[in-house]
N, C-alpha and C. Protein backbone atom coordinates (compact mmCIF):
# COMPACT_ATOMS: atom_id res chain seq x y z
N MET A 1 -48.60 -23.53 114.98
CA MET A 1 -47.34 -23.97 115.79
C MET A 1 -46.56 -22.96 115.48
N ALA A 2 -46.50 -22.29 114.41
CA ALA A 2 -45.24 -21.38 114.07
C ALA A 2 -45.57 -19.72 114.72
N LYS A 3 -46.89 -19.73 115.08
CA LYS A 3 -47.11 -18.67 115.59
C LYS A 3 -46.76 -18.67 117.69
N LYS A 4 -47.18 -19.93 117.73
CA LYS A 4 -46.84 -20.10 119.40
C LYS A 4 -45.26 -20.44 119.39
N LEU A 5 -44.48 -20.89 118.33
CA LEU A 5 -42.76 -20.89 118.81
C LEU A 5 -42.53 -19.48 118.95
N LYS A 6 -42.91 -18.84 117.76
CA LYS A 6 -42.64 -17.01 117.79
C LYS A 6 -42.55 -16.32 119.12
N GLY A 7 -44.07 -16.47 119.53
CA GLY A 7 -44.49 -16.04 120.54
C GLY A 7 -43.70 -16.78 122.10
N LEU A 8 -43.28 -17.85 121.98
CA LEU A 8 -42.38 -18.34 123.04
C LEU A 8 -41.16 -17.87 123.00
N ALA A 9 -40.83 -17.56 122.10
CA ALA A 9 -39.24 -17.37 121.91
C ALA A 9 -39.43 -15.61 122.62
N ALA A 10 -40.38 -14.76 121.97
CA ALA A 10 -40.35 -13.43 122.33
C ALA A 10 -40.48 -13.49 124.04
N ALA A 11 -41.32 -14.27 124.78
CA ALA A 11 -41.42 -14.14 125.94
C ALA A 11 -40.45 -14.77 126.69
N ALA A 12 -39.54 -15.73 126.07
CA ALA A 12 -38.15 -16.40 126.67
C ALA A 12 -37.50 -14.90 126.65
N LEU A 13 -36.92 -14.29 125.68
CA LEU A 13 -36.18 -13.28 125.70
C LEU A 13 -36.70 -11.84 126.54
N LEU A 14 -38.00 -11.45 126.76
CA LEU A 14 -38.44 -10.71 127.36
C LEU A 14 -38.22 -10.92 128.92
N ALA A 15 -38.31 -12.06 129.09
CA ALA A 15 -38.33 -13.12 130.75
C ALA A 15 -36.59 -12.64 130.75
N ALA A 16 -35.77 -13.23 129.93
CA ALA A 16 -34.20 -13.18 130.07
C ALA A 16 -34.01 -11.81 130.36
N VAL A 17 -34.41 -10.65 129.48
CA VAL A 17 -34.14 -9.21 129.74
C VAL A 17 -34.49 -8.57 131.55
N ALA A 18 -35.90 -9.24 131.78
CA ALA A 18 -36.17 -9.15 132.98
C ALA A 18 -35.89 -9.36 134.09
N PHE A 19 -35.27 -10.48 134.09
CA PHE A 19 -34.45 -11.20 135.04
C PHE A 19 -33.08 -10.78 135.28
N THR A 20 -32.31 -10.02 134.04
CA THR A 20 -30.81 -9.47 133.95
C THR A 20 -30.91 -8.09 134.76
N LEU A 21 -32.53 -7.54 134.22
CA LEU A 21 -32.30 -5.99 134.33
C LEU A 21 -32.34 -6.51 136.10
N LEU A 22 -33.20 -7.19 136.67
CA LEU A 22 -33.55 -7.54 138.27
C LEU A 22 -31.76 -8.20 139.16
N TYR A 23 -31.45 -9.00 138.17
CA TYR A 23 -30.06 -9.21 138.64
C TYR A 23 -29.10 -8.04 139.14
N ARG A 24 -29.08 -7.31 137.63
CA ARG A 24 -28.09 -6.30 137.95
C ARG A 24 -28.51 -5.24 138.88
N ALA A 25 -29.74 -5.04 139.28
CA ALA A 25 -30.53 -4.34 140.21
C ALA A 25 -30.34 -4.92 141.98
N GLY A 26 -29.47 -6.09 141.91
CA GLY A 26 -29.03 -6.62 143.04
C GLY A 26 -29.55 -8.04 143.70
N LEU A 27 -30.64 -8.30 142.82
CA LEU A 27 -31.15 -9.73 143.43
C LEU A 27 -30.40 -10.58 142.77
N PRO A 28 -30.49 -11.92 143.72
CA PRO A 28 -29.85 -13.02 143.35
C PRO A 28 -30.55 -14.19 142.38
N LEU A 29 -30.63 -13.37 140.79
CA LEU A 29 -31.48 -13.92 139.94
C LEU A 29 -30.59 -14.43 138.61
N LEU A 30 -29.37 -14.42 138.64
CA LEU A 30 -28.66 -14.94 137.57
C LEU A 30 -28.80 -16.03 137.11
N PRO A 31 -29.11 -17.00 137.85
CA PRO A 31 -29.83 -18.57 137.09
C PRO A 31 -30.89 -18.44 136.16
N LEU A 32 -32.00 -17.48 136.58
CA LEU A 32 -32.86 -17.37 135.97
C LEU A 32 -32.94 -16.69 134.92
N ALA A 33 -32.00 -15.43 134.60
CA ALA A 33 -31.45 -14.71 133.54
C ALA A 33 -30.75 -15.65 132.44
N ILE A 34 -29.83 -16.76 132.98
CA ILE A 34 -29.37 -17.44 132.40
C ILE A 34 -30.12 -18.48 131.63
N THR A 35 -31.24 -18.87 132.09
CA THR A 35 -32.14 -19.91 131.90
C THR A 35 -32.79 -19.30 131.18
N PHE A 36 -33.65 -18.43 130.89
CA PHE A 36 -34.49 -17.67 130.06
C PHE A 36 -33.63 -17.34 128.65
N GLY A 37 -32.50 -16.33 129.10
CA GLY A 37 -31.55 -16.16 128.03
C GLY A 37 -31.24 -17.58 127.37
N THR A 38 -30.68 -18.81 127.66
CA THR A 38 -30.77 -19.86 126.82
C THR A 38 -32.03 -20.23 126.22
N ILE A 39 -33.22 -20.27 126.96
CA ILE A 39 -33.96 -20.68 126.50
C ILE A 39 -34.55 -19.71 125.03
N ALA A 40 -34.06 -18.65 125.36
CA ALA A 40 -34.51 -17.75 124.22
C ALA A 40 -33.25 -17.91 123.09
N TYR A 41 -32.36 -18.09 123.27
CA TYR A 41 -31.47 -18.53 122.62
C TYR A 41 -31.50 -19.93 121.73
N HIS A 42 -32.13 -20.84 122.06
CA HIS A 42 -32.43 -21.71 121.52
C HIS A 42 -33.61 -21.62 120.58
N LEU A 43 -34.53 -20.82 121.17
CA LEU A 43 -36.13 -20.85 120.14
C LEU A 43 -35.54 -20.25 119.03
N TRP A 44 -34.99 -18.77 119.11
CA TRP A 44 -34.60 -18.21 118.31
C TRP A 44 -33.57 -18.43 117.25
N VAL A 45 -32.81 -19.26 117.67
CA VAL A 45 -31.65 -19.99 116.93
C VAL A 45 -32.50 -20.73 115.55
N ARG A 46 -33.44 -21.67 116.37
CA ARG A 46 -34.07 -22.63 115.56
C ARG A 46 -35.17 -22.08 114.42
N LEU A 47 -35.89 -20.72 114.62
CA LEU A 47 -36.57 -20.03 113.93
C LEU A 47 -35.64 -19.36 112.91
N ILE A 48 -34.40 -18.94 113.25
CA ILE A 48 -33.35 -18.24 112.34
C ILE A 48 -33.27 -19.34 111.24
N ILE A 49 -32.51 -20.36 112.19
CA ILE A 49 -31.99 -21.47 111.06
C ILE A 49 -32.99 -21.99 109.93
N GLY A 50 -34.33 -22.49 110.66
CA GLY A 50 -35.24 -22.58 109.70
C GLY A 50 -35.59 -21.64 108.80
N ALA A 51 -35.67 -20.63 108.74
CA ALA A 51 -35.68 -19.21 107.60
C ALA A 51 -34.69 -19.47 106.68
N VAL A 52 -33.17 -19.50 107.28
CA VAL A 52 -32.28 -19.38 106.39
C VAL A 52 -32.47 -20.64 105.19
N PHE A 53 -32.59 -22.00 105.95
CA PHE A 53 -32.85 -23.26 105.10
C PHE A 53 -34.10 -22.90 104.27
N ASP A 54 -35.18 -22.24 104.73
CA ASP A 54 -36.42 -21.94 103.48
C ASP A 54 -35.75 -21.19 102.36
N ALA A 55 -35.17 -20.22 103.13
CA ALA A 55 -34.51 -19.17 101.88
C ALA A 55 -33.36 -19.91 100.73
N VAL A 56 -32.53 -20.57 101.25
CA VAL A 56 -31.87 -20.97 100.56
C VAL A 56 -32.30 -22.22 99.56
N MET A 57 -33.05 -23.22 100.18
CA MET A 57 -33.39 -24.66 99.47
C MET A 57 -34.71 -24.37 99.14
N GLY A 58 -35.77 -23.79 100.00
CA GLY A 58 -37.24 -23.86 99.32
C GLY A 58 -38.00 -24.95 99.28
N ASN A 59 -37.46 -25.57 100.47
CA ASN A 59 -37.85 -27.09 100.34
C ASN A 59 -37.85 -28.15 99.14
N ARG A 60 -36.60 -28.01 98.57
CA ARG A 60 -36.03 -28.60 97.29
C ARG A 60 -34.72 -29.38 97.36
N ALA A 61 -34.48 -30.25 98.55
CA ALA A 61 -33.57 -31.11 98.77
C ALA A 61 -33.48 -32.03 97.95
N ASP A 62 -32.54 -32.77 97.75
CA ASP A 62 -32.38 -34.06 96.49
C ASP A 62 -32.52 -34.85 97.55
N TYR A 63 -33.64 -35.65 97.47
CA TYR A 63 -33.63 -36.98 98.88
C TYR A 63 -33.23 -38.33 98.14
N THR A 64 -32.32 -38.12 96.70
CA THR A 64 -31.70 -39.37 96.53
C THR A 64 -30.27 -39.33 96.83
N ARG A 65 -30.12 -38.13 97.26
CA ARG A 65 -28.06 -38.02 97.74
C ARG A 65 -28.03 -38.91 99.02
N ARG A 66 -27.01 -39.23 99.18
CA ARG A 66 -26.33 -40.14 100.19
C ARG A 66 -27.02 -39.91 101.61
N TRP A 67 -26.72 -38.72 102.02
CA TRP A 67 -26.80 -38.25 103.18
C TRP A 67 -28.42 -38.51 103.91
N TYR A 68 -29.42 -38.89 102.75
CA TYR A 68 -30.61 -38.88 103.16
C TYR A 68 -31.04 -40.46 103.25
N GLN A 69 -30.10 -40.87 102.56
CA GLN A 69 -30.53 -42.72 102.49
C GLN A 69 -30.24 -43.30 103.83
N PRO A 70 -31.45 -44.25 103.79
CA PRO A 70 -31.56 -45.07 105.13
C PRO A 70 -30.05 -46.11 105.23
N ARG A 71 -29.83 -45.96 106.77
CA ARG A 71 -28.76 -46.84 106.81
C ARG A 71 -29.28 -48.40 107.71
N ALA A 72 -28.45 -49.16 107.16
CA ALA A 72 -29.13 -50.54 107.65
C ALA A 72 -29.55 -50.86 109.00
N TRP A 73 -28.73 -49.91 110.21
CA TRP A 73 -28.91 -50.40 111.31
C TRP A 73 -30.29 -49.11 111.94
N GLU A 74 -30.62 -48.52 110.83
CA GLU A 74 -31.78 -47.30 111.44
C GLU A 74 -33.26 -48.10 111.76
N PRO A 75 -33.71 -49.25 111.00
CA PRO A 75 -34.84 -49.84 111.19
C PRO A 75 -35.05 -50.50 112.64
N ARG A 76 -33.72 -51.07 113.29
CA ARG A 76 -33.64 -51.48 114.63
C ARG A 76 -33.93 -50.57 115.55
N LEU A 77 -33.15 -49.67 115.49
CA LEU A 77 -33.08 -48.32 116.09
C LEU A 77 -34.83 -47.72 116.45
N TYR A 78 -35.20 -47.69 115.20
CA TYR A 78 -36.56 -47.17 115.42
C TYR A 78 -37.60 -48.03 116.06
N ASP A 79 -37.27 -49.44 115.96
CA ASP A 79 -37.95 -50.19 116.83
C ASP A 79 -37.96 -50.08 118.21
N VAL A 80 -36.50 -50.20 118.58
CA VAL A 80 -36.09 -49.72 120.16
C VAL A 80 -36.80 -48.52 120.62
N LEU A 81 -36.70 -47.42 120.06
CA LEU A 81 -37.45 -46.35 120.28
C LEU A 81 -38.86 -45.97 120.37
N GLY A 82 -39.65 -47.06 119.61
CA GLY A 82 -40.96 -47.38 119.69
C GLY A 82 -41.39 -46.04 118.58
N VAL A 83 -40.66 -45.52 117.70
CA VAL A 83 -40.97 -44.26 117.04
C VAL A 83 -42.08 -44.48 116.26
N ARG A 84 -43.01 -45.76 116.16
CA ARG A 84 -44.21 -45.85 115.16
C ARG A 84 -45.28 -45.68 116.16
N ARG A 85 -44.84 -45.41 117.49
CA ARG A 85 -46.10 -44.95 118.66
C ARG A 85 -46.08 -43.99 118.97
N TRP A 86 -45.14 -43.03 118.89
CA TRP A 86 -45.24 -41.50 119.18
C TRP A 86 -44.99 -40.72 117.93
N LYS A 87 -44.47 -40.82 117.26
CA LYS A 87 -44.47 -40.08 115.97
C LYS A 87 -45.47 -39.33 115.28
N SER A 88 -46.68 -39.89 115.83
CA SER A 88 -48.10 -39.12 115.22
C SER A 88 -48.24 -38.03 116.29
N LYS A 89 -47.77 -38.14 117.72
CA LYS A 89 -48.36 -37.29 118.77
C LYS A 89 -47.28 -35.94 118.60
N MET A 90 -46.10 -35.89 117.79
CA MET A 90 -45.44 -34.81 117.79
C MET A 90 -45.78 -33.44 117.08
N PRO A 91 -45.80 -32.39 117.42
CA PRO A 91 -46.32 -31.00 116.63
C PRO A 91 -45.01 -31.05 115.23
N THR A 92 -45.81 -30.50 114.29
CA THR A 92 -45.24 -29.93 113.25
C THR A 92 -45.35 -28.58 112.83
N TYR A 93 -43.94 -27.55 112.63
CA TYR A 93 -43.73 -26.52 112.61
C TYR A 93 -44.80 -26.21 111.54
N ALA A 94 -44.59 -26.45 110.11
CA ALA A 94 -45.18 -26.14 109.06
C ALA A 94 -46.15 -27.23 108.38
N PRO A 95 -47.11 -27.75 108.93
CA PRO A 95 -48.23 -28.83 108.62
C PRO A 95 -47.99 -28.74 106.98
N GLU A 96 -48.27 -27.66 106.22
CA GLU A 96 -48.99 -27.30 105.22
C GLU A 96 -47.72 -28.09 104.08
N ALA A 97 -46.48 -27.99 104.72
CA ALA A 97 -45.51 -28.57 104.03
C ALA A 97 -45.52 -30.27 103.36
N PHE A 98 -46.27 -30.53 104.24
CA PHE A 98 -46.25 -32.10 104.41
C PHE A 98 -47.59 -32.39 103.74
N ASP A 99 -48.39 -31.54 103.53
CA ASP A 99 -49.85 -31.89 102.92
C ASP A 99 -49.91 -32.59 101.49
N PRO A 100 -50.29 -33.94 101.48
CA PRO A 100 -50.54 -34.11 100.11
C PRO A 100 -51.53 -33.80 99.25
N ALA A 101 -52.22 -32.92 100.04
CA ALA A 101 -53.44 -32.38 99.09
C ALA A 101 -53.10 -31.25 98.47
N LYS A 102 -51.85 -30.82 98.93
CA LYS A 102 -51.19 -29.50 98.38
C LYS A 102 -49.63 -29.67 97.77
N HIS A 103 -49.35 -30.92 97.94
CA HIS A 103 -47.89 -30.79 97.41
C HIS A 103 -47.86 -32.53 96.84
N SER A 104 -47.03 -32.78 95.82
CA SER A 104 -46.91 -33.89 95.29
C SER A 104 -45.89 -34.52 96.21
N TRP A 105 -46.16 -36.07 96.18
CA TRP A 105 -45.07 -36.89 97.16
C TRP A 105 -43.82 -36.52 97.19
N HIS A 106 -43.40 -36.29 95.86
CA HIS A 106 -41.96 -35.85 95.69
C HIS A 106 -41.67 -34.52 96.24
N GLU A 107 -42.76 -33.68 96.23
CA GLU A 107 -42.25 -32.27 97.00
C GLU A 107 -42.14 -32.87 98.62
N ILE A 108 -42.99 -33.42 99.03
CA ILE A 108 -43.23 -33.54 100.35
C ILE A 108 -41.77 -34.45 100.95
N ALA A 109 -41.34 -35.43 100.02
CA ALA A 109 -39.78 -35.86 100.50
C ALA A 109 -38.94 -34.88 100.49
N GLN A 110 -38.88 -34.10 99.77
CA GLN A 110 -38.00 -33.03 99.34
C GLN A 110 -37.81 -31.84 100.82
N ALA A 111 -39.09 -31.67 100.91
CA ALA A 111 -39.30 -30.97 102.32
C ALA A 111 -38.85 -31.67 103.60
N MET A 112 -39.09 -32.92 103.51
CA MET A 112 -38.55 -33.70 104.72
C MET A 112 -37.12 -33.74 104.79
N CYS A 113 -36.35 -34.13 103.79
CA CYS A 113 -35.02 -33.93 103.80
C CYS A 113 -34.65 -32.21 104.25
N GLN A 114 -35.04 -31.52 103.96
CA GLN A 114 -34.69 -29.95 104.36
C GLN A 114 -35.36 -29.71 105.81
N SER A 115 -36.46 -30.67 106.11
CA SER A 115 -36.63 -30.59 107.63
C SER A 115 -35.19 -31.05 108.59
N GLU A 116 -34.98 -32.45 107.89
CA GLU A 116 -33.96 -33.06 108.46
C GLU A 116 -32.79 -32.43 108.82
N LEU A 117 -32.06 -31.57 107.91
CA LEU A 117 -31.41 -30.51 107.76
C LEU A 117 -31.15 -29.55 108.63
N VAL A 118 -32.55 -29.15 109.05
CA VAL A 118 -32.65 -27.71 109.94
C VAL A 118 -32.47 -28.38 111.31
N HIS A 119 -33.01 -29.45 111.72
CA HIS A 119 -32.90 -30.14 113.06
C HIS A 119 -31.78 -30.77 113.34
N GLU A 120 -30.83 -31.04 112.50
CA GLU A 120 -29.18 -31.50 112.47
C GLU A 120 -28.57 -30.24 112.74
N THR A 121 -28.94 -29.25 111.96
CA THR A 121 -28.22 -28.09 112.13
C THR A 121 -28.40 -27.43 113.59
N ASN A 122 -29.80 -27.53 113.94
CA ASN A 122 -30.33 -27.13 115.53
C ASN A 122 -29.65 -28.15 116.67
N VAL A 123 -29.28 -29.22 116.16
CA VAL A 123 -28.15 -29.94 117.01
C VAL A 123 -26.97 -29.25 117.48
N LEU A 124 -26.34 -29.19 116.24
CA LEU A 124 -25.21 -28.41 116.54
C LEU A 124 -25.09 -26.99 117.13
N PHE A 125 -25.82 -26.25 116.77
CA PHE A 125 -26.14 -24.90 117.34
C PHE A 125 -26.48 -25.12 119.03
N SER A 126 -27.19 -26.41 119.03
CA SER A 126 -27.90 -26.53 120.48
C SER A 126 -26.47 -26.38 121.84
N PHE A 127 -25.09 -26.41 121.28
CA PHE A 127 -24.36 -26.72 122.26
C PHE A 127 -23.39 -25.43 122.12
N VAL A 128 -23.70 -24.26 121.69
CA VAL A 128 -23.26 -23.19 121.38
C VAL A 128 -23.06 -22.37 122.73
N PRO A 129 -24.22 -22.33 123.08
CA PRO A 129 -24.59 -21.78 124.82
C PRO A 129 -23.61 -22.44 125.78
N VAL A 130 -23.08 -23.42 125.85
CA VAL A 130 -22.47 -24.01 126.62
C VAL A 130 -20.78 -23.06 126.88
N LEU A 131 -20.80 -22.60 125.99
CA LEU A 131 -19.44 -21.54 125.55
C LEU A 131 -19.60 -20.54 126.53
N PHE A 132 -20.93 -19.76 126.70
CA PHE A 132 -21.09 -18.88 127.40
C PHE A 132 -20.90 -19.27 129.05
N SER A 133 -21.02 -20.40 129.40
CA SER A 133 -20.63 -20.92 130.87
C SER A 133 -19.10 -20.28 131.22
N LEU A 134 -18.24 -20.05 130.41
CA LEU A 134 -16.96 -19.81 130.57
C LEU A 134 -17.05 -18.03 131.09
N TRP A 135 -18.28 -17.49 130.43
CA TRP A 135 -18.11 -15.88 130.98
C TRP A 135 -19.05 -15.55 132.47
N PHE A 136 -20.03 -16.79 132.23
CA PHE A 136 -20.97 -16.40 133.33
C PHE A 136 -21.22 -17.74 134.27
N GLY A 137 -20.37 -18.63 134.10
CA GLY A 137 -20.35 -19.77 135.24
C GLY A 137 -21.80 -20.47 135.02
N GLU A 138 -22.19 -21.05 136.26
CA GLU A 138 -23.60 -21.57 135.81
C GLU A 138 -23.26 -22.86 134.83
N ALA A 139 -22.57 -23.44 134.65
CA ALA A 139 -22.28 -24.30 133.36
C ALA A 139 -23.71 -25.34 133.49
N ALA A 140 -24.00 -25.86 134.36
CA ALA A 140 -24.93 -26.87 134.45
C ALA A 140 -26.08 -26.53 133.97
N VAL A 141 -26.35 -25.15 133.72
CA VAL A 141 -27.56 -24.59 133.47
C VAL A 141 -27.35 -24.59 131.87
N PHE A 142 -26.22 -24.18 131.34
CA PHE A 142 -25.94 -24.23 129.85
C PHE A 142 -26.05 -25.61 129.12
N ILE A 143 -25.79 -26.69 130.25
CA ILE A 143 -25.04 -27.92 129.84
C ILE A 143 -26.66 -28.19 129.57
N VAL A 144 -27.34 -28.50 130.42
CA VAL A 144 -28.71 -28.73 130.59
C VAL A 144 -29.52 -28.59 129.40
N THR A 145 -29.76 -27.55 129.34
CA THR A 145 -30.38 -26.66 128.62
C THR A 145 -30.15 -27.11 126.89
N SER A 146 -28.74 -27.38 126.88
CA SER A 146 -28.19 -27.58 125.40
C SER A 146 -28.76 -29.39 125.11
N VAL A 147 -28.34 -29.66 126.21
CA VAL A 147 -28.57 -31.20 125.95
C VAL A 147 -30.19 -31.93 125.42
N LEU A 148 -31.25 -31.00 126.44
CA LEU A 148 -32.53 -30.80 126.11
C LEU A 148 -33.00 -30.62 125.00
N ALA A 149 -32.16 -29.29 124.49
CA ALA A 149 -32.68 -28.79 123.08
C ALA A 149 -32.18 -29.61 122.02
N ALA A 150 -30.85 -30.45 122.30
CA ALA A 150 -30.23 -31.22 121.12
C ALA A 150 -31.16 -32.47 120.74
N ALA A 151 -31.62 -33.18 122.27
CA ALA A 151 -32.60 -34.24 122.00
C ALA A 151 -33.73 -33.95 121.46
N PHE A 152 -34.37 -33.07 121.64
CA PHE A 152 -35.68 -32.43 121.08
C PHE A 152 -35.62 -32.57 119.74
N ASP A 153 -34.53 -31.81 118.88
CA ASP A 153 -34.19 -31.98 117.55
C ASP A 153 -33.82 -33.14 117.05
N LEU A 154 -33.36 -33.99 118.02
CA LEU A 154 -32.75 -35.59 117.40
C LEU A 154 -34.00 -36.24 117.45
N VAL A 155 -35.15 -36.04 118.12
CA VAL A 155 -36.45 -36.48 117.81
C VAL A 155 -36.92 -36.16 116.40
N PHE A 156 -36.81 -35.15 116.23
CA PHE A 156 -37.67 -34.55 114.87
C PHE A 156 -36.25 -35.35 113.63
N VAL A 157 -35.18 -35.59 114.12
CA VAL A 157 -34.49 -36.03 113.07
C VAL A 157 -35.12 -37.61 112.46
N ILE A 158 -35.20 -38.06 113.96
CA ILE A 158 -35.75 -39.48 113.87
C ILE A 158 -36.91 -40.04 113.19
N MET A 159 -38.05 -38.88 113.32
CA MET A 159 -39.14 -38.63 112.72
C MET A 159 -39.29 -38.99 111.24
N GLN A 160 -38.34 -37.88 110.59
CA GLN A 160 -37.94 -37.72 109.20
C GLN A 160 -37.25 -38.68 108.63
N ARG A 161 -36.33 -39.31 109.59
CA ARG A 161 -35.46 -40.41 108.57
C ARG A 161 -36.64 -41.75 108.83
N TYR A 162 -37.14 -41.87 109.64
CA TYR A 162 -38.20 -42.94 109.91
C TYR A 162 -39.39 -43.06 108.51
N ASN A 163 -40.01 -41.68 108.58
CA ASN A 163 -40.95 -41.51 107.88
C ASN A 163 -40.84 -41.48 106.07
N ARG A 164 -39.42 -40.87 105.78
CA ARG A 164 -38.81 -40.64 104.71
C ARG A 164 -39.07 -41.73 103.78
N PRO A 165 -38.55 -43.15 103.99
CA PRO A 165 -38.38 -43.90 103.20
C PRO A 165 -39.78 -44.60 102.29
N ILE A 166 -40.77 -44.14 103.36
CA ILE A 166 -42.48 -44.70 103.18
C ILE A 166 -42.54 -43.51 101.58
N VAL A 167 -42.48 -42.01 102.21
CA VAL A 167 -43.07 -41.38 101.28
C VAL A 167 -42.08 -41.46 99.96
N VAL A 168 -41.12 -41.54 100.14
CA VAL A 168 -40.10 -41.80 98.93
C VAL A 168 -40.58 -42.94 97.90
N ARG A 169 -40.97 -44.23 98.76
CA ARG A 169 -41.46 -44.99 97.73
C ARG A 169 -43.00 -44.59 97.22
N ILE A 170 -43.94 -44.10 98.06
CA ILE A 170 -44.82 -43.42 97.44
C ILE A 170 -44.52 -42.75 95.96
N ALA A 171 -43.44 -41.64 96.43
CA ALA A 171 -42.96 -40.65 95.59
C ALA A 171 -42.85 -41.32 93.81
N LEU A 172 -41.97 -42.35 94.48
CA LEU A 172 -41.33 -43.23 92.97
C LEU A 172 -42.26 -43.91 92.38
N ARG A 173 -43.31 -44.44 93.27
CA ARG A 173 -44.67 -44.84 92.55
C ARG A 173 -45.34 -44.29 91.58
N ALA A 174 -45.80 -43.04 92.06
CA ALA A 174 -46.29 -41.96 91.66
C ALA A 174 -45.81 -41.27 90.34
N ALA A 175 -44.27 -41.21 90.43
CA ALA A 175 -43.66 -40.91 89.46
C ALA A 175 -43.56 -41.72 87.94
N LYS A 176 -43.70 -43.04 88.90
CA LYS A 176 -43.36 -44.28 87.76
C LYS A 176 -44.95 -44.19 86.91
N ARG A 177 -45.92 -43.65 87.61
CA ARG A 177 -46.91 -43.96 86.87
C ARG A 177 -47.23 -42.84 85.90
N GLN A 178 -46.42 -41.60 86.12
CA GLN A 178 -46.90 -40.40 85.27
C GLN A 178 -45.58 -40.04 84.64
N ASN A 179 -44.53 -41.11 84.64
CA ASN A 179 -43.27 -40.82 83.92
C ASN A 179 -42.69 -39.68 84.10
N ILE A 180 -42.47 -39.46 85.40
CA ILE A 180 -42.00 -38.28 85.88
C ILE A 180 -40.45 -38.54 86.28
N LYS A 181 -39.50 -37.70 86.46
CA LYS A 181 -38.16 -37.84 86.79
C LYS A 181 -38.30 -37.39 88.40
N THR A 182 -37.59 -37.96 89.20
CA THR A 182 -38.02 -37.54 90.61
C THR A 182 -37.12 -36.49 91.56
N ALA A 183 -35.83 -36.74 90.99
CA ALA A 183 -34.86 -35.92 91.54
C ALA A 183 -34.03 -34.94 90.92
């Protein structure tokens, strides 16, 4: 998945450059240049944010912190959204980080928290391109791509928050059996 995302990011950047050059040559291709530029931004910023979180946190988030605790209203939201039905169909950027054959459940819970933070940060950065509409116009292109990018990341936040309580319970049971501190 990582290779595909990096390849797609590179292709979007090349398309943005190509359409920009064609626009500058007099062809009416500004909306395509903006669209591919915005897509390139969204892909590259996600890769960069993920890399920064990996470098800083190393999948060692403290899942006992308040931020990661489930809220009382979340289970109802997950039922309404039907998370149980679609969560297994979503891609995983780094499946090895969530593999119980390679990591303890405690480590997987930590990685899930970091993943949630990455996607939450991505949601915030999704709306930065809207500011570019001040210079380039075409606000609709910037708004649509930003909303779609934010919605995409919210899906992964929801998945992490849906799955984490189950993983934490497994981690706590395993730690109790082994008499290990969990956080």
